[in-house]
Amino acid sequence: SSFILAVDRNAEEADFFRIKAWNSQAEAAGEHLGKGRRIAVEGSLRQDVYEKDGEERRAVSIVAKRLEYL
């Protein structure tokens, strides 16, 4: 399972990260997360390569090791 995490940079900008979680972490995320809910993520970066419209694309995601609901 995966979800998008928005991290505010300032009042007008945010960065968006795809978080990947499995098993009990994915279940807990489905139950506890919603827009505006604060969370801390510990994990590792993963670069995915895929093809879209005939072009190779890359996207970085975070594979969650631990999720903490704040």
C-alpha atoms as a PDB file:
ATOM      1  CA  SER A   1       0.000   0.000   0.000  1.00  0.00           C
ATOM      2  CA  SER A   2       1.182   3.527  -0.557  1.00  0.00           C
ATOM      3  CA  PHE A   3       0.081   7.040   0.268  1.00  0.00           C
ATOM      4  CA  ILE A   4       1.267  10.580  -0.413  1.00  0.00           C
ATOM      5  CA  LEU A   5       2.723  12.665   2.408  1.00  0.00           C
ATOM      6  CA  ALA A   6       2.732  16.462   2.047  1.00  0.00           C
ATOM      7  CA  VAL A   7       5.499  18.323   3.868  1.00  0.00           C
ATOM      8  CA  ASP A   8       5.060  22.089   4.184  1.00  0.00           C
ATOM      9  CA  ARG A   9       8.074  24.103   3.031  1.00  0.00           C
ATOM     10  CA  ASN A  10       6.508  27.446   3.922  1.00  0.00           C
ATOM     11  CA  ALA A  11       3.049  29.009   3.879  1.00  0.00           C
ATOM     12  CA  GLU A  12       2.755  28.694   0.092  1.00  0.00           C
ATOM     13  CA  GLU A  13       4.706  25.572  -0.891  1.00  0.00           C
ATOM     14  CA  ALA A  14       4.819  21.891  -0.031  1.00  0.00           C
ATOM     15  CA  ASP A  15       6.814  18.857  -1.117  1.00  0.00           C
ATOM     16  CA  PHE A  16       5.025  15.571  -1.769  1.00  0.00           C
ATOM     17  CA  PHE A  17       6.492  12.134  -1.040  1.00  0.00           C
ATOM     18  CA  ARG A  18       5.133   8.673  -1.842  1.00  0.00           C
ATOM     19  CA  ILE A  19       5.338   6.450   1.242  1.00  0.00           C
ATOM     20  CA  LYS A  20       5.188   2.671   0.792  1.00  0.00           C
ATOM     21  CA  ALA A  21       4.069   0.532   3.731  1.00  0.00           C
ATOM     22  CA  TRP A  22       3.114  -3.123   4.100  1.00  0.00           C
ATOM     23  CA  ASN A  23       1.255  -5.490   6.417  1.00  0.00           C
ATOM     24  CA  SER A  24       0.275  -4.047   9.810  1.00  0.00           C
ATOM     25  CA  GLN A  25       1.798  -0.650   8.973  1.00  0.00           C
ATOM     26  CA  ALA A  26      -0.381  -0.384   5.874  1.00  0.00           C
ATOM     27  CA  GLU A  27      -3.479  -1.375   7.862  1.00  0.00           C
ATOM     28  CA  ALA A  28      -2.731   1.182  10.595  1.00  0.00           C
ATOM     29  CA  ALA A  29      -2.104   3.905   8.008  1.00  0.00           C
ATOM     30  CA  GLY A  30      -5.495   3.189   6.451  1.00  0.00           C
ATOM     31  CA  GLU A  31      -7.172   3.535   9.847  1.00  0.00           C
ATOM     32  CA  HIS A  32      -5.305   6.554  11.221  1.00  0.00           C
ATOM     33  CA  LEU A  33      -4.269   8.792   8.338  1.00  0.00           C
ATOM     34  CA  GLY A  34      -6.249  11.608   6.798  1.00  0.00           C
ATOM     35  CA  LYS A  35      -5.653  15.073   5.417  1.00  0.00           C
ATOM     36  CA  GLY A  36      -3.886  17.234   7.978  1.00  0.00           C
ATOM     37  CA  ARG A  37      -2.888  14.314  10.219  1.00  0.00           C
ATOM     38  CA  ARG A  38       0.715  14.571  11.388  1.00  0.00           C
ATOM     39  CA  ILE A  39       3.033  11.594  11.024  1.00  0.00           C
ATOM     40  CA  ALA A  40       6.743  10.814  11.391  1.00  0.00           C
ATOM     41  CA  VAL A  41       8.240   8.369   8.900  1.00  0.00           C
ATOM     42  CA  GLU A  42      11.452   6.394   9.290  1.00  0.00           C
ATOM     43  CA  GLY A  43      12.572   4.414   6.278  1.00  0.00           C
ATOM     44  CA  SER A  44      14.809   4.164   3.260  1.00  0.00           C
ATOM     45  CA  LEU A  45      14.729   5.879  -0.110  1.00  0.00           C
ATOM     46  CA  ARG A  46      13.975   3.810  -3.190  1.00  0.00           C
ATOM     47  CA  GLN A  47      14.204   4.903  -6.803  1.00  0.00           C
ATOM     48  CA  ASP A  48      11.611   3.317  -9.074  1.00  0.00           C
ATOM     49  CA  VAL A  49      12.012   3.270 -12.851  1.00  0.00           C
ATOM     50  CA  TYR A  50       8.920   3.023 -15.045  1.00  0.00           C
ATOM     51  CA  GLU A  51       7.784   3.880 -18.545  1.00  0.00           C
ATOM     52  CA  LYS A  52       5.117   6.453 -19.384  1.00  0.00           C
ATOM     53  CA  ASP A  53       4.188   7.641 -22.875  1.00  0.00           C
ATOM     54  CA  GLY A  54       7.175   5.754 -24.276  1.00  0.00           C
ATOM     55  CA  GLU A  55       9.658   7.545 -22.016  1.00  0.00           C
ATOM     56  CA  GLU A  56      11.601   6.162 -19.090  1.00  0.00           C
ATOM     57  CA  ARG A  57      10.744   7.954 -15.861  1.00  0.00           C
ATOM     58  CA  ARG A  58      12.123   7.814 -12.349  1.00  0.00           C
ATOM     59  CA  ALA A  59      10.405   8.453  -9.059  1.00  0.00           C
ATOM     60  CA  VAL A  60      11.769   8.368  -5.529  1.00  0.00           C
ATOM     61  CA  SER A  61       9.631   6.875  -2.771  1.00  0.00           C
ATOM     62  CA  ILE A  62      10.184   6.183   0.915  1.00  0.00           C
ATOM     63  CA  VAL A  63       9.866   2.557   2.044  1.00  0.00           C
ATOM     64  CA  ALA A  64       8.556   2.853   5.597  1.00  0.00           C
ATOM     65  CA  LYS A  65      10.363   1.040   8.377  1.00  0.00           C
ATOM     66  CA  ARG A  66       8.396   2.806  11.116  1.00  0.00           C
ATOM     67  CA  LEU A  67       5.375   5.121  11.165  1.00  0.00           C
ATOM     68  CA  GLU A  68       4.608   7.252  14.210  1.00  0.00           C
ATOM     69  CA  TYR A  69       1.293   9.088  14.462  1.00  0.00           C
ATOM     70  CA  LEU A  70       1.790  12.467  16.155  1.00  0.00           C
END
